[in-house]
């Protein structure tokens, strides 16, 4: 079960953040990477309209948006989903799996 703050709101846009992409050896931010994301249901199927690409916004931070009207409007209240974020640049590869729970804004 996701933590209380890890929610995706039904019918609302959802910002997808990938922060601190950095070459550990040189401590240089990775600013030319490819960062993609998708929301998966409990069976691992991709939720319609949830895929996208995050753009580099500053110093190794990337930002994308899951569109509310085309994706989150169809989420099931209180269901748990997995947000999969994949980042690559050169030989650097990372995949993050974040658990999120569908909720209505203003409700628990």
C-alpha atoms as a PDB file:
ATOM      1  CA  UNK A   1       0.000   0.000   0.000  1.00  0.00           C
ATOM      2  CA  UNK A   2       1.377   3.443  -0.908  1.00  0.00           C
ATOM      3  CA  UNK A   3       2.107   6.064   1.722  1.00  0.00           C
ATOM      4  CA  UNK A   4      -0.701   8.600   2.337  1.00  0.00           C
ATOM      5  CA  UNK A   5       1.054  11.317   0.270  1.00  0.00           C
ATOM      6  CA  UNK A   6       1.534   9.091  -2.775  1.00  0.00           C
ATOM      7  CA  UNK A   7      -1.726   9.752  -4.554  1.00  0.00           C
ATOM      8  CA  UNK A   8      -2.824  10.305  -8.106  1.00  0.00           C
ATOM      9  CA  UNK A   9      -5.979  12.376  -8.267  1.00  0.00           C
ATOM     10  CA  UNK A  10      -8.885  11.193 -10.386  1.00  0.00           C
ATOM     11  CA  UNK A  11      -9.737  13.639 -13.183  1.00  0.00           C
ATOM     12  CA  UNK A  12      -6.696  15.845 -12.526  1.00  0.00           C
ATOM     13  CA  UNK A  13      -3.382  16.244 -14.319  1.00  0.00           C
ATOM     14  CA  UNK A  14      -0.508  14.512 -12.519  1.00  0.00           C
ATOM     15  CA  UNK A  15       3.055  15.852 -12.627  1.00  0.00           C
ATOM     16  CA  UNK A  16       5.712  13.182 -13.066  1.00  0.00           C
ATOM     17  CA  UNK A  17       9.080  14.150 -11.578  1.00  0.00           C
ATOM     18  CA  UNK A  18      12.430  12.484 -12.139  1.00  0.00           C
ATOM     19  CA  UNK A  19      14.962  14.373 -10.051  1.00  0.00           C
ATOM     20  CA  UNK A  20      18.709  14.412  -9.555  1.00  0.00           C
ATOM     21  CA  UNK A  21      19.946  12.528 -12.623  1.00  0.00           C
ATOM     22  CA  UNK A  22      23.694  12.743 -12.085  1.00  0.00           C
ATOM     23  CA  UNK A  23      26.900  11.071 -13.179  1.00  0.00           C
ATOM     24  CA  UNK A  24      28.121   9.913  -9.766  1.00  0.00           C
ATOM     25  CA  UNK A  25      31.766   9.751 -10.892  1.00  0.00           C
ATOM     26  CA  UNK A  26      31.941  13.332 -12.156  1.00  0.00           C
ATOM     27  CA  UNK A  27      29.029  14.844 -10.182  1.00  0.00           C
ATOM     28  CA  UNK A  28      27.788  16.389 -13.428  1.00  0.00           C
ATOM     29  CA  UNK A  29      23.985  16.517 -13.927  1.00  0.00           C
ATOM     30  CA  UNK A  30      22.651  14.401 -16.803  1.00  0.00           C
ATOM     31  CA  UNK A  31      20.828  16.931 -18.961  1.00  0.00           C
ATOM     32  CA  UNK A  32      20.432  15.117 -22.310  1.00  0.00           C
ATOM     33  CA  UNK A  33      18.686  11.942 -21.176  1.00  0.00           C
ATOM     34  CA  UNK A  34      15.511  10.263 -22.308  1.00  0.00           C
ATOM     35  CA  UNK A  35      12.919  10.018 -19.552  1.00  0.00           C
ATOM     36  CA  UNK A  36       9.656   8.169 -20.166  1.00  0.00           C
ATOM     37  CA  UNK A  37       6.826   7.116 -17.891  1.00  0.00           C
ATOM     38  CA  UNK A  38       3.683   5.023 -17.765  1.00  0.00           C
ATOM     39  CA  UNK A  39       1.032   4.179 -15.211  1.00  0.00           C
ATOM     40  CA  UNK A  40       0.272   0.490 -14.731  1.00  0.00           C
ATOM     41  CA  UNK A  41      -2.717  -1.154 -13.100  1.00  0.00           C
ATOM     42  CA  UNK A  42      -2.421  -3.976 -10.554  1.00  0.00           C
ATOM     43  CA  UNK A  43      -2.063  -6.517 -13.392  1.00  0.00           C
ATOM     44  CA  UNK A  44       0.855  -4.609 -14.935  1.00  0.00           C
ATOM     45  CA  UNK A  45      -1.185  -3.383 -17.907  1.00  0.00           C
ATOM     46  CA  UNK A  46      -0.516   0.171 -19.071  1.00  0.00           C
ATOM     47  CA  UNK A  47      -3.403   2.526 -18.260  1.00  0.00           C
ATOM     48  CA  UNK A  48      -4.746   4.114 -21.446  1.00  0.00           C
ATOM     49  CA  UNK A  49      -3.390   7.619 -21.995  1.00  0.00           C
ATOM     50  CA  UNK A  50      -0.784   7.383 -19.226  1.00  0.00           C
ATOM     51  CA  UNK A  51       2.419   7.147 -21.246  1.00  0.00           C
ATOM     52  CA  UNK A  52       4.639  10.104 -21.931  1.00  0.00           C
ATOM     53  CA  UNK A  53       8.039  11.710 -21.996  1.00  0.00           C
ATOM     54  CA  UNK A  54       9.451  14.005 -19.344  1.00  0.00           C
ATOM     55  CA  UNK A  55      11.479  17.005 -20.487  1.00  0.00           C
ATOM     56  CA  UNK A  56      14.687  18.225 -18.877  1.00  0.00           C
ATOM     57  CA  UNK A  57      13.852  21.321 -16.824  1.00  0.00           C
ATOM     58  CA  UNK A  58      17.085  22.045 -14.912  1.00  0.00           C
ATOM     59  CA  UNK A  59      20.293  20.466 -13.567  1.00  0.00           C
ATOM     60  CA  UNK A  60      19.289  16.826 -14.059  1.00  0.00           C
ATOM     61  CA  UNK A  61      15.610  17.274 -13.163  1.00  0.00           C
ATOM     62  CA  UNK A  62      12.902  16.122 -15.587  1.00  0.00           C
ATOM     63  CA  UNK A  63       9.162  16.853 -15.625  1.00  0.00           C
ATOM     64  CA  UNK A  64       6.248  15.314 -17.520  1.00  0.00           C
ATOM     65  CA  UNK A  65       2.464  15.297 -17.133  1.00  0.00           C
ATOM     66  CA  UNK A  66      -0.135  12.546 -17.127  1.00  0.00           C
ATOM     67  CA  UNK A  67      -3.214  14.217 -18.598  1.00  0.00           C
ATOM     68  CA  UNK A  68      -6.299  14.199 -16.386  1.00  0.00           C
ATOM     69  CA  UNK A  69      -9.065  14.063 -19.002  1.00  0.00           C
ATOM     70  CA  UNK A  70      -7.458  11.288 -21.074  1.00  0.00           C
ATOM     71  CA  UNK A  71      -6.122   9.123 -18.255  1.00  0.00           C
ATOM     72  CA  UNK A  72      -6.874   9.830 -14.629  1.00  0.00           C
ATOM     73  CA  UNK A  73     -10.631  10.271 -15.176  1.00  0.00           C
ATOM     74  CA  UNK A  74     -10.855   6.484 -15.655  1.00  0.00           C
ATOM     75  CA  UNK A  75      -8.919   5.492 -12.538  1.00  0.00           C
ATOM     76  CA  UNK A  76     -10.703   3.447  -9.873  1.00  0.00           C
ATOM     77  CA  UNK A  77     -11.024   5.174  -6.504  1.00  0.00           C
ATOM     78  CA  UNK A  78      -8.701   3.706  -3.849  1.00  0.00           C
ATOM     79  CA  UNK A  79      -7.015   1.333  -6.336  1.00  0.00           C
ATOM     80  CA  UNK A  80      -3.236   1.080  -6.274  1.00  0.00           C
ATOM     81  CA  UNK A  81      -1.273   1.754  -9.452  1.00  0.00           C
ATOM     82  CA  UNK A  82       2.425   1.691 -10.284  1.00  0.00           C
ATOM     83  CA  UNK A  83       4.080   4.682 -11.914  1.00  0.00           C
ATOM     84  CA  UNK A  84       7.070   3.373 -13.883  1.00  0.00           C
ATOM     85  CA  UNK A  85       9.687   5.996 -14.790  1.00  0.00           C
ATOM     86  CA  UNK A  86      12.577   5.010 -17.051  1.00  0.00           C
ATOM     87  CA  UNK A  87      15.649   7.187 -17.587  1.00  0.00           C
ATOM     88  CA  UNK A  88      18.611   6.618 -19.910  1.00  0.00           C
ATOM     89  CA  UNK A  89      21.591   8.673 -20.998  1.00  0.00           C
ATOM     90  CA  UNK A  90      24.652   6.980 -22.467  1.00  0.00           C
ATOM     91  CA  UNK A  91      25.563   4.093 -20.179  1.00  0.00           C
ATOM     92  CA  UNK A  92      23.373   5.401 -17.338  1.00  0.00           C
ATOM     93  CA  UNK A  93      20.069   3.534 -16.960  1.00  0.00           C
ATOM     94  CA  UNK A  94      17.505   3.760 -14.181  1.00  0.00           C
ATOM     95  CA  UNK A  95      13.965   2.484 -13.660  1.00  0.00           C
ATOM     96  CA  UNK A  96      11.812   3.633 -10.762  1.00  0.00           C
ATOM     97  CA  UNK A  97       8.584   1.919  -9.692  1.00  0.00           C
ATOM     98  CA  UNK A  98       6.441   4.186  -7.528  1.00  0.00           C
ATOM     99  CA  UNK A  99       3.238   3.006  -5.904  1.00  0.00           C
ATOM    100  CA  UNK A 100       0.349   5.506  -6.068  1.00  0.00           C
ATOM    101  CA  UNK A 101      -3.264   5.302  -4.919  1.00  0.00           C
ATOM    102  CA  UNK A 102      -6.157   6.819  -6.853  1.00  0.00           C
ATOM    103  CA  UNK A 103      -8.069   9.394  -4.847  1.00  0.00           C
ATOM    104  CA  UNK A 104     -10.374  12.364  -5.235  1.00  0.00           C
ATOM    105  CA  UNK A 105      -8.794  15.706  -4.407  1.00  0.00           C
ATOM    106  CA  UNK A 106      -9.990  16.766  -0.963  1.00  0.00           C
ATOM    107  CA  UNK A 107     -10.759  13.187   0.155  1.00  0.00           C
ATOM    108  CA  UNK A 108      -8.455  10.691   1.866  1.00  0.00           C
END
